[in-house]
Amino acid sequence: MTSFWRGLGLAVLLLSSSVAARSQIQLERGFEMPPLGTDTTCFRYHFVAGDTLIYTIEASDSVAFLGEPILLKIRRSVVSIICDSVTANGRYRLRTTLRHVVERQTTVSDSSEREGSPWVGREAFVEIDSLGVRHAVWVDDDRRAALTPGGAFQPLLLPTLGESCGVQNQSWMVQDTTLLVENGVPEAAYSHATLWRVIDKADTLDRRFHQIQYTQTGLGTVEVNSDRVKLTMHAVIAAYGKLSMDAELQVPFHLFATSEDRLEITHANGQVRKGKHLTSMHARLREIRSPDPNRRIVLPR
């Protein structure tokens, strides 16, 4: 990438981040922002070696490329996050696996339902600290290309928090570049700016939650270079998420996330396709299996 395009990309990212930041805290006419709370709410990830977290994800996608029929998808999947170990300096080595997926696809002229995906059973590994910062990533086999049904830029279950504590309505900005190994091989590189805002504490389902939301913009790139397929995909991404953390266990209990990915795919023959991928998803914690009996929970499905 030339310095011109790097500069242009950075300008787009910073401009988008500024717009996103303003849009998140902009007030509707006649609405007053509640005063900042006096209680500090903390957000951090905590795992125990041997933890297995099971999430169900319900999502809908709309994929549209110029000159092609719009593809609508409804999918339900099961994802596990296993903590293989905790390092001496408190970092968590996590293994993410797509265990099951059922997907219904619809176009103007046809509809179909399928179960399974080439990504089912694949394992992606990350080493993170308590704020979600990634210090190492790898996959089970980087020679076998595959993609999760949600696409290369699907929102992450463990986003980078950046800060640990704040009072109600307090905000902070995080900038990072993340390799999205959970979403496929080869992995997408995602440079993003995220504005976090503390929402509140909540009690429901006999559990206590700390809630936080984010507005995110970024630039993503993934290159596929195999015997059968050679292409480069660029994305300009705008996303929003609301994360409910279990206050006691310090793991994501529920994540609602939406994203709009403006895509440009360049094939080896020079053909360029432009389109848009819209995603809306709910991820819900269903079970924790743990060597620590105080961390074990099973929720109704």
Protein backbone atom coordinates (compact mmCIF):
# COMPACT_ATOMS: atom_id res chain seq x y z
CA MET A 1 0.00 0.00 0.00
CA THR A 2 1.43 3.38 -0.95
CA SER A 3 1.85 6.21 1.51
CA PHE A 4 -0.98 8.05 -0.27
CA TRP A 5 -3.44 5.24 0.38
CA ARG A 6 -2.22 4.80 3.94
CA GLY A 7 -2.78 8.49 4.54
CA LEU A 8 -6.18 8.40 2.90
CA GLY A 9 -7.20 5.38 4.94
CA LEU A 10 -6.10 7.05 8.17
CA ALA A 11 -8.02 10.20 7.28
CA VAL A 12 -11.18 8.20 6.59
CA LEU A 13 -10.78 6.30 9.84
CA LEU A 14 -10.29 9.42 11.96
CA LEU A 15 -13.12 11.29 10.25
CA SER A 16 -15.46 8.34 10.68
CA SER A 17 -14.43 7.98 14.30
CA SER A 18 -15.18 11.63 14.95
CA VAL A 19 -18.61 11.36 13.33
CA ALA A 20 -19.36 8.15 15.22
CA ALA A 21 -18.32 9.69 18.51
CA ARG A 22 -20.60 12.67 18.00
CA SER A 23 -23.53 10.51 16.90
CA GLN A 24 -23.29 8.31 19.97
CA ILE A 25 -23.56 11.12 22.51
CA GLN A 26 -25.82 13.42 20.50
CA LEU A 27 -29.05 14.13 22.40
CA GLU A 28 -32.55 14.12 20.95
CA ARG A 29 -34.51 17.36 21.21
CA GLY A 30 -36.15 17.66 24.62
CA PHE A 31 -34.02 14.87 26.16
CA GLU A 32 -31.61 15.48 29.00
CA MET A 33 -28.66 13.21 29.70
CA PRO A 34 -28.86 11.73 33.23
CA PRO A 35 -26.15 13.10 35.50
CA LEU A 36 -22.99 11.09 35.87
CA GLY A 37 -23.40 8.40 38.46
CA THR A 38 -21.23 8.45 41.56
CA ASP A 39 -20.59 4.69 41.60
CA THR A 40 -17.69 3.32 39.60
CA THR A 41 -18.47 0.38 37.33
CA CYS A 42 -15.61 -1.87 36.27
CA PHE A 43 -15.30 -4.01 33.16
CA ARG A 44 -12.65 -6.66 32.67
CA TYR A 45 -12.45 -10.22 31.47
CA HIS A 46 -11.69 -13.06 33.87
CA PHE A 47 -11.25 -16.73 33.05
CA VAL A 48 -10.09 -19.80 34.94
CA ALA A 49 -8.00 -22.47 33.24
CA GLY A 50 -10.45 -25.16 32.16
CA ASP A 51 -13.42 -22.79 31.70
CA THR A 52 -15.69 -23.68 28.76
CA LEU A 53 -18.21 -21.00 27.79
CA ILE A 54 -21.04 -21.91 25.40
CA TYR A 55 -22.79 -19.13 23.45
CA THR A 56 -25.73 -19.21 21.07
CA ILE A 57 -25.69 -16.61 18.32
CA GLU A 58 -28.82 -15.55 16.43
CA ALA A 59 -28.05 -13.30 13.50
CA SER A 60 -29.44 -11.88 10.29
CA ASP A 61 -27.42 -10.71 7.29
CA SER A 62 -28.15 -8.76 4.13
CA VAL A 63 -25.51 -9.03 1.40
CA ALA A 64 -25.88 -6.90 -1.73
CA PHE A 65 -23.44 -6.39 -4.61
CA LEU A 66 -24.05 -4.06 -7.53
CA GLY A 67 -25.86 -5.85 -10.34
CA GLU A 68 -26.51 -8.98 -8.27
CA PRO A 69 -29.59 -10.23 -6.36
CA ILE A 70 -29.75 -9.33 -2.68
CA LEU A 71 -29.00 -12.28 -0.39
CA LEU A 72 -30.77 -12.47 2.97
CA LYS A 73 -29.56 -14.88 5.64
CA ILE A 74 -30.94 -15.96 9.00
CA ARG A 75 -28.54 -18.07 11.02
CA ARG A 76 -28.30 -19.69 14.41
CA SER A 77 -24.98 -20.97 15.65
CA VAL A 78 -23.29 -22.35 18.75
CA VAL A 79 -19.80 -21.14 19.67
CA SER A 80 -17.52 -22.28 22.48
CA ILE A 81 -14.70 -20.35 24.13
CA ILE A 82 -12.31 -22.53 26.15
CA CYS A 83 -9.61 -21.18 28.44
CA ASP A 84 -6.69 -23.53 27.89
CA SER A 85 -4.38 -21.82 30.37
CA VAL A 86 -3.58 -18.64 32.27
CA THR A 87 -0.02 -17.32 31.94
CA ALA A 88 2.14 -16.22 34.85
CA ASN A 89 1.46 -12.57 34.01
CA GLY A 90 -2.32 -13.08 33.98
CA ARG A 91 -3.01 -13.45 30.26
CA TYR A 92 -5.67 -15.85 29.05
CA ARG A 93 -5.04 -18.34 26.25
CA LEU A 94 -8.44 -18.92 24.70
CA ARG A 95 -9.64 -21.33 22.03
CA THR A 96 -12.74 -20.39 20.00
CA THR A 97 -14.67 -23.00 17.99
CA LEU A 98 -17.82 -22.82 15.88
CA ARG A 99 -19.64 -25.97 16.99
CA HIS A 100 -22.85 -25.86 15.00
CA VAL A 101 -24.69 -23.61 12.55
CA VAL A 102 -27.99 -23.68 10.69
CA GLU A 103 -28.51 -21.06 8.00
CA ARG A 104 -31.47 -20.11 5.85
CA GLN A 105 -30.69 -18.14 2.69
CA THR A 106 -33.22 -16.24 0.60
CA THR A 107 -33.00 -14.36 -2.69
CA VAL A 108 -35.72 -12.90 -4.90
CA SER A 109 -36.12 -16.19 -6.76
CA ASP A 110 -35.01 -18.91 -4.35
CA SER A 111 -34.57 -19.98 -0.74
CA SER A 112 -32.68 -22.79 0.91
CA GLU A 113 -31.62 -24.06 4.31
CA ARG A 114 -28.35 -25.71 5.14
CA GLU A 115 -26.70 -27.09 8.22
CA GLY A 116 -22.96 -26.97 8.76
CA SER A 117 -20.09 -24.93 7.38
CA PRO A 118 -16.42 -25.49 6.46
CA TRP A 119 -15.63 -23.42 9.56
CA VAL A 120 -17.43 -25.82 11.96
CA GLY A 121 -14.87 -27.55 14.15
CA ARG A 122 -12.02 -25.21 13.26
CA GLU A 123 -10.08 -23.78 16.20
CA ALA A 124 -8.82 -20.21 16.54
CA PHE A 125 -6.53 -19.21 19.43
CA VAL A 126 -5.98 -15.82 21.06
CA GLU A 127 -3.97 -14.70 24.05
CA ILE A 128 -5.60 -11.68 25.70
CA ASP A 129 -5.26 -9.69 28.89
CA SER A 130 -8.12 -8.65 31.16
CA LEU A 131 -8.97 -5.70 28.88
CA GLY A 132 -9.19 -7.86 25.76
CA VAL A 133 -5.94 -6.63 24.20
CA ARG A 134 -4.54 -9.36 21.95
CA HIS A 135 -0.92 -10.34 22.51
CA ALA A 136 -0.84 -13.42 20.24
CA VAL A 137 -3.16 -15.12 17.73
CA TRP A 138 -2.94 -18.35 15.76
CA VAL A 139 -5.18 -20.98 14.12
CA ASP A 140 -5.29 -24.76 13.96
CA ASP A 141 -4.14 -24.90 10.30
CA ASP A 142 -3.30 -21.76 8.36
CA ARG A 143 -3.07 -23.75 5.10
CA ARG A 144 -6.80 -24.63 5.03
CA ALA A 145 -8.87 -21.65 3.90
CA ALA A 146 -12.39 -21.30 5.29
CA LEU A 147 -14.75 -18.55 6.45
CA THR A 148 -17.28 -18.31 9.25
CA PRO A 149 -20.91 -17.90 8.04
CA GLY A 150 -20.94 -14.36 9.45
CA GLY A 151 -18.14 -13.25 7.15
CA ALA A 152 -14.57 -12.08 7.60
CA PHE A 153 -15.59 -9.00 9.64
CA GLN A 154 -18.25 -10.47 11.94
CA PRO A 155 -18.37 -8.64 15.34
CA LEU A 156 -16.24 -10.24 18.05
CA LEU A 157 -17.55 -11.81 21.26
CA LEU A 158 -14.58 -10.38 23.18
CA PRO A 159 -14.02 -6.82 21.96
CA THR A 160 -11.07 -4.77 23.21
CA LEU A 161 -12.24 -2.76 26.24
CA GLY A 162 -9.28 -0.41 26.54
CA GLU A 163 -10.18 0.86 30.03
CA SER A 164 -11.41 -1.02 33.07
CA CYS A 165 -13.56 1.36 35.13
CA GLY A 166 -15.78 4.40 34.79
CA VAL A 167 -18.87 6.12 36.16
CA GLN A 168 -22.21 6.15 34.36
CA ASN A 169 -22.05 7.91 30.94
CA GLN A 170 -18.26 8.17 31.08
CA SER A 171 -16.63 7.51 27.68
CA TRP A 172 -13.19 6.62 26.37
CA MET A 173 -11.63 5.96 22.98
CA VAL A 174 -9.65 2.88 21.95
CA GLN A 175 -7.62 2.46 18.77
CA ASP A 176 -6.29 -0.95 17.80
CA THR A 177 -5.50 -3.28 14.94
CA THR A 178 -6.98 -6.76 15.38
CA LEU A 179 -6.40 -9.97 13.45
CA LEU A 180 -9.84 -11.60 13.27
CA VAL A 181 -8.71 -15.22 13.52
CA GLU A 182 -12.13 -16.34 14.83
CA ASN A 183 -13.69 -15.41 11.50
CA GLY A 184 -11.63 -17.37 9.02
CA VAL A 185 -8.40 -18.36 7.29
CA PRO A 186 -6.73 -16.27 6.02
CA GLU A 187 -7.58 -13.89 8.82
CA ALA A 188 -8.74 -10.34 8.18
CA ALA A 189 -6.73 -7.40 9.56
CA TYR A 190 -9.01 -4.79 11.13
CA SER A 191 -7.79 -1.30 12.13
CA HIS A 192 -10.48 0.38 14.19
CA ALA A 193 -11.35 3.18 16.58
CA THR A 194 -13.92 2.44 19.27
CA LEU A 195 -15.80 4.85 21.51
CA TRP A 196 -16.95 3.09 24.69
CA ARG A 197 -19.56 4.50 27.06
CA VAL A 198 -20.56 3.14 30.47
CA ILE A 199 -24.32 2.57 30.68
CA ASP A 200 -25.37 1.24 34.07
CA LYS A 201 -25.69 -1.71 36.40
CA ALA A 202 -28.64 -4.07 36.09
CA ASP A 203 -30.14 -7.02 37.97
CA THR A 204 -32.12 -9.71 36.19
CA LEU A 205 -32.35 -13.49 35.96
CA ASP A 206 -30.99 -13.56 39.52
CA ARG A 207 -27.69 -12.18 38.25
CA ARG A 208 -25.99 -8.77 38.30
CA PHE A 209 -24.69 -7.12 35.14
CA HIS A 210 -22.46 -4.22 34.20
CA GLN A 211 -23.52 -2.73 30.86
CA ILE A 212 -21.40 -0.84 28.38
CA GLN A 213 -21.85 0.16 24.74
CA TYR A 214 -19.59 1.03 21.85
CA THR A 215 -19.60 2.82 18.53
CA GLN A 216 -16.88 1.63 16.18
CA THR A 217 -15.47 2.52 12.79
CA GLY A 218 -12.63 0.86 10.98
CA LEU A 219 -10.91 -0.38 7.86
CA GLY A 220 -10.54 -4.09 7.16
CA THR A 221 -8.51 -6.08 4.64
CA VAL A 222 -8.24 -9.76 3.80
CA GLU A 223 -6.27 -11.40 0.99
CA VAL A 224 -7.05 -14.85 -0.39
CA ASN A 225 -4.31 -16.45 -2.46
CA SER A 226 -4.91 -20.12 -3.24
CA ASP A 227 -4.82 -22.35 -6.31
CA ARG A 228 -8.55 -21.80 -6.84
CA VAL A 229 -9.17 -18.26 -5.60
CA LYS A 230 -7.09 -15.09 -5.65
CA LEU A 231 -8.69 -11.89 -4.41
CA THR A 232 -8.35 -8.94 -2.07
CA MET A 233 -11.27 -7.60 -0.06
CA HIS A 234 -11.31 -4.16 1.55
CA ALA A 235 -14.04 -3.02 3.93
CA VAL A 236 -15.08 0.26 5.53
CA ILE A 237 -16.96 -0.74 8.67
CA ALA A 238 -19.35 1.09 10.99
CA ALA A 239 -20.58 -0.86 14.01
CA TYR A 240 -22.48 -0.54 17.27
CA GLY A 241 -22.65 -2.90 20.22
CA LYS A 242 -24.12 -3.22 23.70
CA LEU A 243 -22.30 -5.57 26.04
CA SER A 244 -23.71 -6.93 29.29
CA MET A 245 -20.96 -8.35 31.49
CA ASP A 246 -21.71 -10.74 34.34
CA ALA A 247 -20.56 -8.73 37.35
CA GLU A 248 -19.49 -11.78 39.35
CA LEU A 249 -18.00 -14.05 36.68
CA GLN A 250 -16.60 -11.18 34.55
CA VAL A 251 -17.46 -12.70 31.19
CA PRO A 252 -19.82 -11.50 28.43
CA PHE A 253 -23.37 -12.59 29.24
CA HIS A 254 -25.11 -10.94 26.28
CA LEU A 255 -23.89 -8.99 23.27
CA PHE A 256 -26.06 -7.15 20.78
CA ALA A 257 -24.08 -5.92 17.79
CA THR A 258 -24.80 -4.44 14.40
CA SER A 259 -22.37 -3.62 11.62
CA GLU A 260 -22.41 -2.17 8.13
CA ASP A 261 -19.52 -3.30 5.94
CA ARG A 262 -18.97 -1.47 2.65
CA LEU A 263 -17.01 -3.98 0.59
CA GLU A 264 -14.73 -3.77 -2.42
CA ILE A 265 -13.44 -7.08 -3.79
CA THR A 266 -10.68 -7.10 -6.40
CA HIS A 267 -10.14 -10.37 -8.29
CA ALA A 268 -6.90 -11.53 -9.89
CA ASN A 269 -8.20 -10.61 -13.37
CA GLY A 270 -8.76 -7.02 -12.27
CA GLN A 271 -12.54 -7.33 -11.90
CA VAL A 272 -13.88 -5.22 -9.03
CA ARG A 273 -17.12 -5.90 -7.17
CA LYS A 274 -18.62 -3.39 -4.76
CA GLY A 275 -21.29 -4.17 -2.23
CA LYS A 276 -22.57 -3.96 1.30
CA HIS A 277 -22.93 -6.49 4.11
CA LEU A 278 -25.31 -5.63 6.98
CA THR A 279 -25.29 -7.77 10.14
CA SER A 280 -27.39 -7.80 13.29
CA MET A 281 -26.65 -10.36 15.98
CA HIS A 282 -27.46 -11.43 19.53
CA ALA A 283 -24.94 -13.60 21.38
CA ARG A 284 -26.16 -15.17 24.64
CA LEU A 285 -24.26 -17.15 27.24
CA ARG A 286 -25.92 -20.53 27.78
CA GLU A 287 -23.49 -22.49 29.91
CA ILE A 288 -20.19 -22.34 31.75
CA ARG A 289 -18.36 -25.54 32.58
CA SER A 290 -15.51 -24.95 34.96
CA PRO A 291 -13.22 -26.69 37.44
CA ASP A 292 -14.36 -23.97 39.85
CA PRO A 293 -17.87 -24.98 41.00
CA ASN A 294 -18.71 -21.34 41.77
CA ARG A 295 -18.38 -20.51 38.07
CA ARG A 296 -20.62 -23.28 36.72
CA ILE A 297 -23.97 -22.15 35.34
CA VAL A 298 -26.54 -23.62 32.97
CA LEU A 299 -29.25 -21.31 31.64
CA PRO A 300 -32.57 -22.33 30.08
CA ARG A 301 -32.53 -22.42 26.30
